[in-house]
Protein backbone atom coordinates (compact mmCIF):
# COMPACT_ATOMS: atom_id res chain seq x y z
CA MET A 1 -8.68 25.58 -6.37
CA PHE A 2 -9.26 22.19 -4.83
CA GLU A 3 -9.82 20.72 -1.75
CA ILE A 4 -10.22 17.03 -0.24
CA GLY A 5 -11.25 16.07 3.19
CA HIS A 6 -13.27 14.00 5.59
CA GLY A 7 -16.53 15.13 4.96
CA GLU A 8 -19.58 13.52 7.56
CA HIS A 9 -21.27 10.30 7.61
CA GLY A 10 -17.82 8.84 6.63
CA SER A 11 -17.88 10.25 3.28
CA ILE A 12 -14.86 12.03 1.17
CA ALA A 13 -15.57 15.62 0.43
CA PHE A 14 -14.74 17.75 -2.81
CA THR A 15 -14.26 21.03 -3.13
CA GLY A 16 -13.59 23.32 -6.49
CA ARG A 17 -11.68 21.90 -9.76
CA LEU A 18 -10.74 18.57 -9.98
CA ASP A 19 -8.71 18.68 -12.94
CA ALA A 20 -5.09 17.20 -14.17
CA ALA A 21 -3.47 20.08 -11.93
CA GLN A 22 -5.13 18.45 -8.92
CA CYS A 23 -5.08 14.90 -9.71
CA ALA A 24 -2.23 13.86 -8.17
CA LYS A 25 -2.94 15.22 -5.03
CA ALA A 26 -6.92 13.56 -4.97
CA GLN A 27 -5.50 10.13 -6.15
CA ALA A 28 -2.81 10.58 -2.92
CA PHE A 29 -5.62 10.72 -0.70
CA LEU A 30 -8.16 8.39 -2.28
CA ASP A 31 -5.42 5.72 -2.03
CA ALA A 32 -4.09 5.91 1.83
CA GLN A 33 -8.33 6.26 2.73
CA PRO A 34 -9.77 2.50 3.27
CA ALA A 35 -12.06 2.12 0.35
CA PRO A 36 -14.33 5.37 0.70
CA ALA A 37 -17.51 4.25 -0.79
CA GLU A 38 -19.16 7.81 -1.32
CA PHE A 39 -18.10 11.15 -2.40
CA ASP A 40 -19.53 14.36 -1.52
CA PHE A 41 -19.79 16.74 -4.73
CA ALA A 42 -21.73 19.81 -2.91
CA GLY A 43 -18.36 21.81 -3.44
CA LEU A 44 -17.51 20.60 -6.70
CA GLU A 45 -17.62 23.02 -9.27
CA TYR A 46 -15.98 21.47 -12.34
CA ILE A 47 -13.81 18.02 -13.13
CA SER A 48 -12.18 17.20 -16.21
CA SER A 49 -11.72 14.14 -17.86
CA ALA A 50 -8.34 13.65 -15.89
CA GLY A 51 -10.74 13.52 -12.71
CA LEU A 52 -13.11 10.85 -14.12
CA GLY A 53 -10.22 8.80 -14.41
CA VAL A 54 -9.61 9.25 -10.04
CA LEU A 55 -12.88 8.46 -9.51
CA LEU A 56 -13.13 5.39 -11.82
CA LYS A 57 -10.01 4.19 -10.19
CA ALA A 58 -11.47 4.98 -6.65
CA HIS A 59 -14.64 2.62 -8.57
CA LYS A 60 -12.59 -0.08 -9.93
CA ARG A 61 -11.61 -0.86 -6.19
CA LEU A 62 -14.31 -1.03 -4.95
CA LEU A 63 -15.65 -3.32 -7.53
CA ALA A 64 -12.65 -5.99 -6.42
CA GLY A 65 -14.50 -5.76 -2.65
CA GLY A 66 -18.50 -5.95 -4.27
CA GLY A 67 -18.77 -2.32 -3.28
CA LYS A 68 -19.52 0.62 -5.74
CA LEU A 69 -19.15 4.29 -5.80
CA ARG A 70 -22.38 6.63 -5.08
CA LEU A 71 -21.89 9.86 -5.53
CA VAL A 72 -24.17 12.52 -3.36
CA ASN A 73 -24.55 16.52 -4.08
CA VAL A 74 -24.03 15.90 -7.96
CA ASN A 75 -24.65 19.34 -9.29
CA HIS A 76 -26.47 20.24 -12.75
CA HIS A 77 -22.90 21.02 -14.73
CA ILE A 78 -21.01 17.64 -13.23
CA HIS A 79 -24.35 14.97 -13.68
CA ASP A 80 -23.85 16.13 -17.10
CA ILE A 81 -20.86 15.09 -17.88
CA PHE A 82 -21.51 11.71 -16.15
CA LYS A 83 -24.50 11.67 -17.87
CA TYR A 84 -22.70 12.68 -21.75
CA SER A 85 -19.40 10.46 -20.73
CA GLY A 86 -21.64 7.68 -19.64
CA PHE A 87 -20.33 7.83 -16.04
CA ASP A 88 -23.90 7.89 -14.55
CA GLN A 89 -24.30 4.60 -15.41
CA LEU A 90 -21.30 3.28 -13.82
CA PHE A 91 -21.59 5.56 -10.07
CA ASP A 92 -24.81 5.79 -8.24
CA VAL A 93 -24.83 9.29 -8.84
CA ASN A 94 -27.59 11.43 -6.64
CA ARG A 95 -27.91 15.27 -7.25
CA PRO A 96 -29.87 17.29 -4.97
CA GLY A 97 -33.01 17.90 -4.52
């Protein structure tokens, strides 16, 4: 199961598993938003390489406007995926305390 919606303080909240089967849903939601800069991953359990592509597209959109994508509440497993893929160098990644 995957859900995406508005979180607190203007963030975009992700819940469940962002895999290839859910990328179109995520991309359609993000394309309809005015360049969201913060993604809350508190409820995100898994992200595939296809999901990373969705994040990369959002990041490029923000870069064009001078911003940078911020990811908050990133669990250990997803942080490792970012680290091994080098995406931790692209995004501002914050893990919970």
